Each structure stands twice: as C-alpha cells, then as structure tokens.
C-alpha cells in the first residue's frame, strides 16, 4: 500500500464536531485545506512526500512549533524515569 505525505504549518481549529450521539474529531482551517491540496499533488508529481514553502521555512529557522511537543514529551519522560529510580 502506497502512502502519500504532505507537510504544512499553520493555524487550525480541532475538536469534536457534531451531535451528542454522533461526534467526530476533526481539524479545520486554511492550513488543512492547503495541505490537502499539496497532498493531491503527490500522485501527479510522482513524489510520495511533499511539503509547503511555509514548512520548509519553519524547518530552516528551527521554528519551535515543529519540536515543542516532542521536547515536552521527552522532558516529561525523562522526569518519570528519574523519579522511578
């Protein structure tokens, strides 16, 4: 099974949408629409991974939004390891 991957950075809204008996978790916003359009280009361009100029710029600049959750999770994991020894 082939998988296409598109990467973009931007503001989104996320959460549960719908009625109490039928909730769906979803993400909406301009960034979601843009990354969907980028992903749609994977097949025509014969490239499994594409990313936006915004993502490339954020990566080159070391934008904290790209690593904030990883660093936070790593720090929390290390703290748990130290406290359990």
C-alpha atoms as a PDB file:
ATOM      1  CA  UNK A   1       0.000   0.000   0.000  1.00  0.00           C
ATOM      2  CA  UNK A   2       1.446   3.360  -1.042  1.00  0.00           C
ATOM      3  CA  UNK A   3       1.145   6.330   1.281  1.00  0.00           C
ATOM      4  CA  UNK A   4       1.457   9.974   0.296  1.00  0.00           C
ATOM      5  CA  UNK A   5       2.543  12.532   2.880  1.00  0.00           C
ATOM      6  CA  UNK A   6       2.161  16.308   2.759  1.00  0.00           C
ATOM      7  CA  UNK A   7       3.576  18.635   5.413  1.00  0.00           C
ATOM      8  CA  UNK A   8       2.492  22.208   6.114  1.00  0.00           C
ATOM      9  CA  UNK A   9       2.459  24.517   9.108  1.00  0.00           C
ATOM     10  CA  UNK A  10      -0.332  26.893  10.053  1.00  0.00           C
ATOM     11  CA  UNK A  11      -3.220  27.680  12.336  1.00  0.00           C
ATOM     12  CA  UNK A  12      -6.051  25.133  12.659  1.00  0.00           C
ATOM     13  CA  UNK A  13      -9.098  24.503  14.788  1.00  0.00           C
ATOM     14  CA  UNK A  14      -9.593  20.982  16.108  1.00  0.00           C
ATOM     15  CA  UNK A  15     -12.041  19.138  18.273  1.00  0.00           C
ATOM     16  CA  UNK A  16     -15.243  17.174  18.358  1.00  0.00           C
ATOM     17  CA  UNK A  17     -17.925  18.281  15.914  1.00  0.00           C
ATOM     18  CA  UNK A  18     -21.477  17.019  15.644  1.00  0.00           C
ATOM     19  CA  UNK A  19     -24.365  15.970  17.810  1.00  0.00           C
ATOM     20  CA  UNK A  20     -24.047  14.326  21.210  1.00  0.00           C
ATOM     21  CA  UNK A  21     -24.874  10.899  19.756  1.00  0.00           C
ATOM     22  CA  UNK A  22     -22.506  11.256  16.780  1.00  0.00           C
ATOM     23  CA  UNK A  23     -19.311  13.171  17.453  1.00  0.00           C
ATOM     24  CA  UNK A  24     -16.424  13.239  15.005  1.00  0.00           C
ATOM     25  CA  UNK A  25     -12.977  14.534  15.850  1.00  0.00           C
ATOM     26  CA  UNK A  26     -11.877  16.847  13.045  1.00  0.00           C
ATOM     27  CA  UNK A  27      -9.401  19.531  12.072  1.00  0.00           C
ATOM     28  CA  UNK A  28     -10.480  22.555  10.030  1.00  0.00           C
ATOM     29  CA  UNK A  29      -8.935  25.745   8.741  1.00  0.00           C
ATOM     30  CA  UNK A  30      -6.966  27.223   5.861  1.00  0.00           C
ATOM     31  CA  UNK A  31      -3.850  25.199   6.725  1.00  0.00           C
ATOM     32  CA  UNK A  32      -5.847  21.961   6.480  1.00  0.00           C
ATOM     33  CA  UNK A  33      -7.195  22.954   3.079  1.00  0.00           C
ATOM     34  CA  UNK A  34      -3.729  23.876   1.822  1.00  0.00           C
ATOM     35  CA  UNK A  35      -2.098  20.643   2.968  1.00  0.00           C
ATOM     36  CA  UNK A  36      -4.928  18.659   1.351  1.00  0.00           C
ATOM     37  CA  UNK A  37      -4.206  20.406  -1.956  1.00  0.00           C
ATOM     38  CA  UNK A  38      -0.482  19.712  -1.567  1.00  0.00           C
ATOM     39  CA  UNK A  39      -1.159  16.020  -0.882  1.00  0.00           C
ATOM     40  CA  UNK A  40      -3.300  15.849  -4.020  1.00  0.00           C
ATOM     41  CA  UNK A  41      -0.179  16.792  -6.000  1.00  0.00           C
ATOM     42  CA  UNK A  42       1.815  13.762  -4.797  1.00  0.00           C
ATOM     43  CA  UNK A  43       0.471  11.411  -7.473  1.00  0.00           C
ATOM     44  CA  UNK A  44       0.771  13.775 -10.485  1.00  0.00           C
ATOM     45  CA  UNK A  45       4.279  14.786  -9.404  1.00  0.00           C
ATOM     46  CA  UNK A  46       5.223  11.153  -8.666  1.00  0.00           C
ATOM     47  CA  UNK A  47       6.572  12.111  -5.285  1.00  0.00           C
ATOM     48  CA  UNK A  48       5.382  10.417  -2.087  1.00  0.00           C
ATOM     49  CA  UNK A  49       6.408  13.294   0.199  1.00  0.00           C
ATOM     50  CA  UNK A  50       5.792  16.995  -0.444  1.00  0.00           C
ATOM     51  CA  UNK A  51       5.978  19.993   1.852  1.00  0.00           C
ATOM     52  CA  UNK A  52       4.988  23.623   1.608  1.00  0.00           C
ATOM     53  CA  UNK A  53       7.326  26.604   1.463  1.00  0.00           C
ATOM     54  CA  UNK A  54       5.963  27.629   4.886  1.00  0.00           C
ATOM     55  CA  UNK A  55       7.001  24.270   6.328  1.00  0.00           C
ATOM     56  CA  UNK A  56      10.445  24.439   4.715  1.00  0.00           C
ATOM     57  CA  UNK A  57      10.986  27.952   6.090  1.00  0.00           C
ATOM     58  CA  UNK A  58       9.872  26.917   9.594  1.00  0.00           C
ATOM     59  CA  UNK A  59      12.191  23.912   9.460  1.00  0.00           C
ATOM     60  CA  UNK A  60      15.159  26.008   8.310  1.00  0.00           C
ATOM     61  CA  UNK A  61      14.502  28.611  11.013  1.00  0.00           C
ATOM     62  CA  UNK A  62      14.157  25.995  13.777  1.00  0.00           C
ATOM     63  CA  UNK A  63      10.568  27.055  14.463  1.00  0.00           C
ATOM     64  CA  UNK A  64       9.588  25.935  17.966  1.00  0.00           C
ATOM     65  CA  UNK A  65       6.154  24.807  16.702  1.00  0.00           C
ATOM     66  CA  UNK A  66       7.854  21.880  14.964  1.00  0.00           C
ATOM     67  CA  UNK A  67       9.521  20.444  18.057  1.00  0.00           C
ATOM     68  CA  UNK A  68       7.595  21.804  21.039  1.00  0.00           C
ATOM     69  CA  UNK A  69       5.528  18.666  21.698  1.00  0.00           C
ATOM     70  CA  UNK A  70       8.466  16.317  21.134  1.00  0.00           C
ATOM     71  CA  UNK A  71      10.652  18.234  23.582  1.00  0.00           C
ATOM     72  CA  UNK A  72       7.827  18.437  26.126  1.00  0.00           C
ATOM     73  CA  UNK A  73       7.121  14.707  25.848  1.00  0.00           C
ATOM     74  CA  UNK A  74      10.833  13.841  26.104  1.00  0.00           C
ATOM     75  CA  UNK A  75      11.282  16.051  29.164  1.00  0.00           C
ATOM     76  CA  UNK A  76       8.243  14.501  30.856  1.00  0.00           C
ATOM     77  CA  UNK A  77       9.511  11.015  30.043  1.00  0.00           C
ATOM     78  CA  UNK A  78      12.953  11.766  31.486  1.00  0.00           C
ATOM     79  CA  UNK A  79      11.381  13.193  34.655  1.00  0.00           C
ATOM     80  CA  UNK A  80       9.328   9.991  35.113  1.00  0.00           C
ATOM     81  CA  UNK A  81      12.453   7.856  34.620  1.00  0.00           C
ATOM     82  CA  UNK A  82      14.421   9.821  37.228  1.00  0.00           C
ATOM     83  CA  UNK A  83      11.602   9.716  39.763  1.00  0.00           C
ATOM     84  CA  UNK A  84      11.130   5.966  39.427  1.00  0.00           C
ATOM     85  CA  UNK A  85      14.799   5.085  40.083  1.00  0.00           C
END
